């Protein structure tokens, strides 16, 4: 189930590289890499899980409500992270010039499927 959702999001986004479902504890649940892509998705996810905990804490301290989405644009990739619940998040990387808007949309509309499957 998880693999199907992650594959759909990556394969239906122009410039999609990889997607990862992971716990905030840094333990990966599932990942998908587009064909001909090389990436150490799990390591990236573990590093971002530490940052996400701090973002969630900061949003809480500021009474901003729950953090829902974070985007990190680097020189070679953009990583979009969508928080699913208090335990899990989904992350996707896309190439520069990839369709960031579609990636956001597909992660948002598929989030509930992942949440339901995690329950």
C-alpha atoms as a PDB file:
ATOM      1  CA  UNK A   1       0.000   0.000   0.000  1.00  0.00           C
ATOM      2  CA  UNK A   2       2.673   2.515   1.035  1.00  0.00           C
ATOM      3  CA  UNK A   3       4.864   1.673  -1.952  1.00  0.00           C
ATOM      4  CA  UNK A   4       1.943   2.223  -4.347  1.00  0.00           C
ATOM      5  CA  UNK A   5       1.189   5.684  -2.980  1.00  0.00           C
ATOM      6  CA  UNK A   6       4.836   6.774  -2.952  1.00  0.00           C
ATOM      7  CA  UNK A   7       5.372   5.483  -6.511  1.00  0.00           C
ATOM      8  CA  UNK A   8       2.261   7.272  -7.735  1.00  0.00           C
ATOM      9  CA  UNK A   9       3.350  10.593  -6.242  1.00  0.00           C
ATOM     10  CA  UNK A  10       6.886  10.389  -7.663  1.00  0.00           C
ATOM     11  CA  UNK A  11       5.974   8.994 -11.081  1.00  0.00           C
ATOM     12  CA  UNK A  12       3.168  11.512 -11.608  1.00  0.00           C
ATOM     13  CA  UNK A  13       5.331  14.526 -10.760  1.00  0.00           C
ATOM     14  CA  UNK A  14       7.590  15.943 -13.436  1.00  0.00           C
ATOM     15  CA  UNK A  15      11.101  15.826 -12.009  1.00  0.00           C
ATOM     16  CA  UNK A  16      10.162  13.437  -9.184  1.00  0.00           C
ATOM     17  CA  UNK A  17      13.173  11.607  -7.766  1.00  0.00           C
ATOM     18  CA  UNK A  18      12.108   9.800  -4.601  1.00  0.00           C
ATOM     19  CA  UNK A  19       9.579   9.619  -1.781  1.00  0.00           C
ATOM     20  CA  UNK A  20       9.904   8.361   1.761  1.00  0.00           C
ATOM     21  CA  UNK A  21       7.501   7.533   4.577  1.00  0.00           C
ATOM     22  CA  UNK A  22       9.298   7.828   7.905  1.00  0.00           C
ATOM     23  CA  UNK A  23       8.740   8.187  11.610  1.00  0.00           C
ATOM     24  CA  UNK A  24      10.015  11.217  13.502  1.00  0.00           C
ATOM     25  CA  UNK A  25      12.283   8.750  15.298  1.00  0.00           C
ATOM     26  CA  UNK A  26      14.228   8.378  12.024  1.00  0.00           C
ATOM     27  CA  UNK A  27      13.029   4.857  11.265  1.00  0.00           C
ATOM     28  CA  UNK A  28      11.883   4.488   7.636  1.00  0.00           C
ATOM     29  CA  UNK A  29       8.610   2.725   6.880  1.00  0.00           C
ATOM     30  CA  UNK A  30       8.828   2.673   3.068  1.00  0.00           C
ATOM     31  CA  UNK A  31      10.628   4.417   0.237  1.00  0.00           C
ATOM     32  CA  UNK A  32      10.438   4.647  -3.533  1.00  0.00           C
ATOM     33  CA  UNK A  33      13.091   5.816  -6.005  1.00  0.00           C
ATOM     34  CA  UNK A  34      12.244   6.644  -9.613  1.00  0.00           C
ATOM     35  CA  UNK A  35      14.025   4.537 -12.200  1.00  0.00           C
ATOM     36  CA  UNK A  36      17.634   5.480 -12.915  1.00  0.00           C
ATOM     37  CA  UNK A  37      17.840   7.562  -9.741  1.00  0.00           C
ATOM     38  CA  UNK A  38      20.468   7.175  -7.076  1.00  0.00           C
ATOM     39  CA  UNK A  39      19.829   8.727  -3.708  1.00  0.00           C
ATOM     40  CA  UNK A  40      20.416   7.882  -0.084  1.00  0.00           C
ATOM     41  CA  UNK A  41      16.827   8.661   0.829  1.00  0.00           C
ATOM     42  CA  UNK A  42      16.937   7.084   4.278  1.00  0.00           C
ATOM     43  CA  UNK A  43      19.915   9.166   5.408  1.00  0.00           C
ATOM     44  CA  UNK A  44      18.287  12.362   4.178  1.00  0.00           C
ATOM     45  CA  UNK A  45      15.061  11.421   5.963  1.00  0.00           C
ATOM     46  CA  UNK A  46      16.873  10.714   9.231  1.00  0.00           C
ATOM     47  CA  UNK A  47      18.579  14.100   9.127  1.00  0.00           C
ATOM     48  CA  UNK A  48      15.341  15.914   8.324  1.00  0.00           C
ATOM     49  CA  UNK A  49      13.460  14.089  11.088  1.00  0.00           C
ATOM     50  CA  UNK A  50      15.622  15.894  13.655  1.00  0.00           C
ATOM     51  CA  UNK A  51      14.851  19.264  12.046  1.00  0.00           C
ATOM     52  CA  UNK A  52      11.135  18.489  11.826  1.00  0.00           C
ATOM     53  CA  UNK A  53      10.934  17.839  15.563  1.00  0.00           C
ATOM     54  CA  UNK A  54      12.334  21.321  16.168  1.00  0.00           C
ATOM     55  CA  UNK A  55       9.962  22.908  13.646  1.00  0.00           C
ATOM     56  CA  UNK A  56       6.997  21.237  15.313  1.00  0.00           C
ATOM     57  CA  UNK A  57       8.206  22.407  18.734  1.00  0.00           C
ATOM     58  CA  UNK A  58       8.698  25.988  17.501  1.00  0.00           C
ATOM     59  CA  UNK A  59       5.228  26.116  15.927  1.00  0.00           C
ATOM     60  CA  UNK A  60       3.746  24.865  19.182  1.00  0.00           C
ATOM     61  CA  UNK A  61       5.644  27.444  21.270  1.00  0.00           C
ATOM     62  CA  UNK A  62       4.432  30.234  18.974  1.00  0.00           C
ATOM     63  CA  UNK A  63       0.816  29.032  19.168  1.00  0.00           C
ATOM     64  CA  UNK A  64       0.890  28.742  15.375  1.00  0.00           C
ATOM     65  CA  UNK A  65      -0.909  25.410  15.354  1.00  0.00           C
ATOM     66  CA  UNK A  66       0.408  22.149  13.973  1.00  0.00           C
ATOM     67  CA  UNK A  67       3.088  22.403  11.303  1.00  0.00           C
ATOM     68  CA  UNK A  68       1.791  20.747   8.148  1.00  0.00           C
ATOM     69  CA  UNK A  69       4.365  21.201   5.424  1.00  0.00           C
ATOM     70  CA  UNK A  70       8.022  22.160   5.003  1.00  0.00           C
ATOM     71  CA  UNK A  71       9.966  22.722   1.790  1.00  0.00           C
ATOM     72  CA  UNK A  72      13.738  22.800   1.587  1.00  0.00           C
ATOM     73  CA  UNK A  73      15.167  24.083  -1.652  1.00  0.00           C
ATOM     74  CA  UNK A  74      18.812  23.206  -2.194  1.00  0.00           C
ATOM     75  CA  UNK A  75      20.973  23.686  -5.243  1.00  0.00           C
ATOM     76  CA  UNK A  76      20.436  20.181  -6.646  1.00  0.00           C
ATOM     77  CA  UNK A  77      17.066  19.110  -5.242  1.00  0.00           C
ATOM     78  CA  UNK A  78      13.960  20.413  -3.548  1.00  0.00           C
ATOM     79  CA  UNK A  79      12.588  18.333  -0.689  1.00  0.00           C
ATOM     80  CA  UNK A  80       8.947  18.687   0.236  1.00  0.00           C
ATOM     81  CA  UNK A  81       7.862  17.262   3.588  1.00  0.00           C
ATOM     82  CA  UNK A  82       4.272  16.776   4.698  1.00  0.00           C
ATOM     83  CA  UNK A  83       3.567  15.913   8.312  1.00  0.00           C
ATOM     84  CA  UNK A  84       0.988  13.145   8.597  1.00  0.00           C
ATOM     85  CA  UNK A  85       0.436  12.902  12.341  1.00  0.00           C
ATOM     86  CA  UNK A  86       2.403  13.052  15.586  1.00  0.00           C
ATOM     87  CA  UNK A  87       4.503  10.036  14.593  1.00  0.00           C
ATOM     88  CA  UNK A  88       5.039  10.063  10.811  1.00  0.00           C
ATOM     89  CA  UNK A  89       5.843  12.261   7.837  1.00  0.00           C
ATOM     90  CA  UNK A  90       6.197  11.781   4.103  1.00  0.00           C
ATOM     91  CA  UNK A  91       8.967  13.441   2.110  1.00  0.00           C
ATOM     92  CA  UNK A  92       9.544  13.803  -1.605  1.00  0.00           C
ATOM     93  CA  UNK A  93      12.520  15.083  -3.558  1.00  0.00           C
ATOM     94  CA  UNK A  94      12.291  16.646  -6.991  1.00  0.00           C
ATOM     95  CA  UNK A  95      14.835  17.935  -9.474  1.00  0.00           C
ATOM     96  CA  UNK A  96      15.379  21.663  -9.993  1.00  0.00           C
ATOM     97  CA  UNK A  97      12.702  22.828 -12.394  1.00  0.00           C
ATOM     98  CA  UNK A  98      10.436  19.927 -11.420  1.00  0.00           C
ATOM     99  CA  UNK A  99       6.742  20.525 -10.853  1.00  0.00           C
ATOM    100  CA  UNK A 100       6.760  21.622  -7.210  1.00  0.00           C
ATOM    101  CA  UNK A 101       3.067  22.549  -7.225  1.00  0.00           C
ATOM    102  CA  UNK A 102       2.017  19.125  -8.437  1.00  0.00           C
ATOM    103  CA  UNK A 103       4.252  17.463  -5.849  1.00  0.00           C
ATOM    104  CA  UNK A 104       2.563  19.490  -3.098  1.00  0.00           C
ATOM    105  CA  UNK A 105      -0.878  18.637  -4.447  1.00  0.00           C
ATOM    106  CA  UNK A 106      -0.198  14.897  -4.780  1.00  0.00           C
ATOM    107  CA  UNK A 107       1.294  14.663  -1.300  1.00  0.00           C
ATOM    108  CA  UNK A 108      -1.671  16.522   0.167  1.00  0.00           C
ATOM    109  CA  UNK A 109      -4.369  14.448  -1.535  1.00  0.00           C
ATOM    110  CA  UNK A 110      -2.616  11.151  -0.790  1.00  0.00           C
ATOM    111  CA  UNK A 111      -1.803  11.930   2.846  1.00  0.00           C
ATOM    112  CA  UNK A 112      -5.065  10.515   4.171  1.00  0.00           C
ATOM    113  CA  UNK A 113      -4.420   7.167   2.453  1.00  0.00           C
ATOM    114  CA  UNK A 114      -1.085   6.928   4.241  1.00  0.00           C
ATOM    115  CA  UNK A 115      -2.595   7.999   7.577  1.00  0.00           C
ATOM    116  CA  UNK A 116      -5.371   5.411   7.263  1.00  0.00           C
ATOM    117  CA  UNK A 117      -2.884   2.659   6.430  1.00  0.00           C
ATOM    118  CA  UNK A 118      -0.700   3.598   9.399  1.00  0.00           C
ATOM    119  CA  UNK A 119      -3.645   3.247  11.822  1.00  0.00           C
END
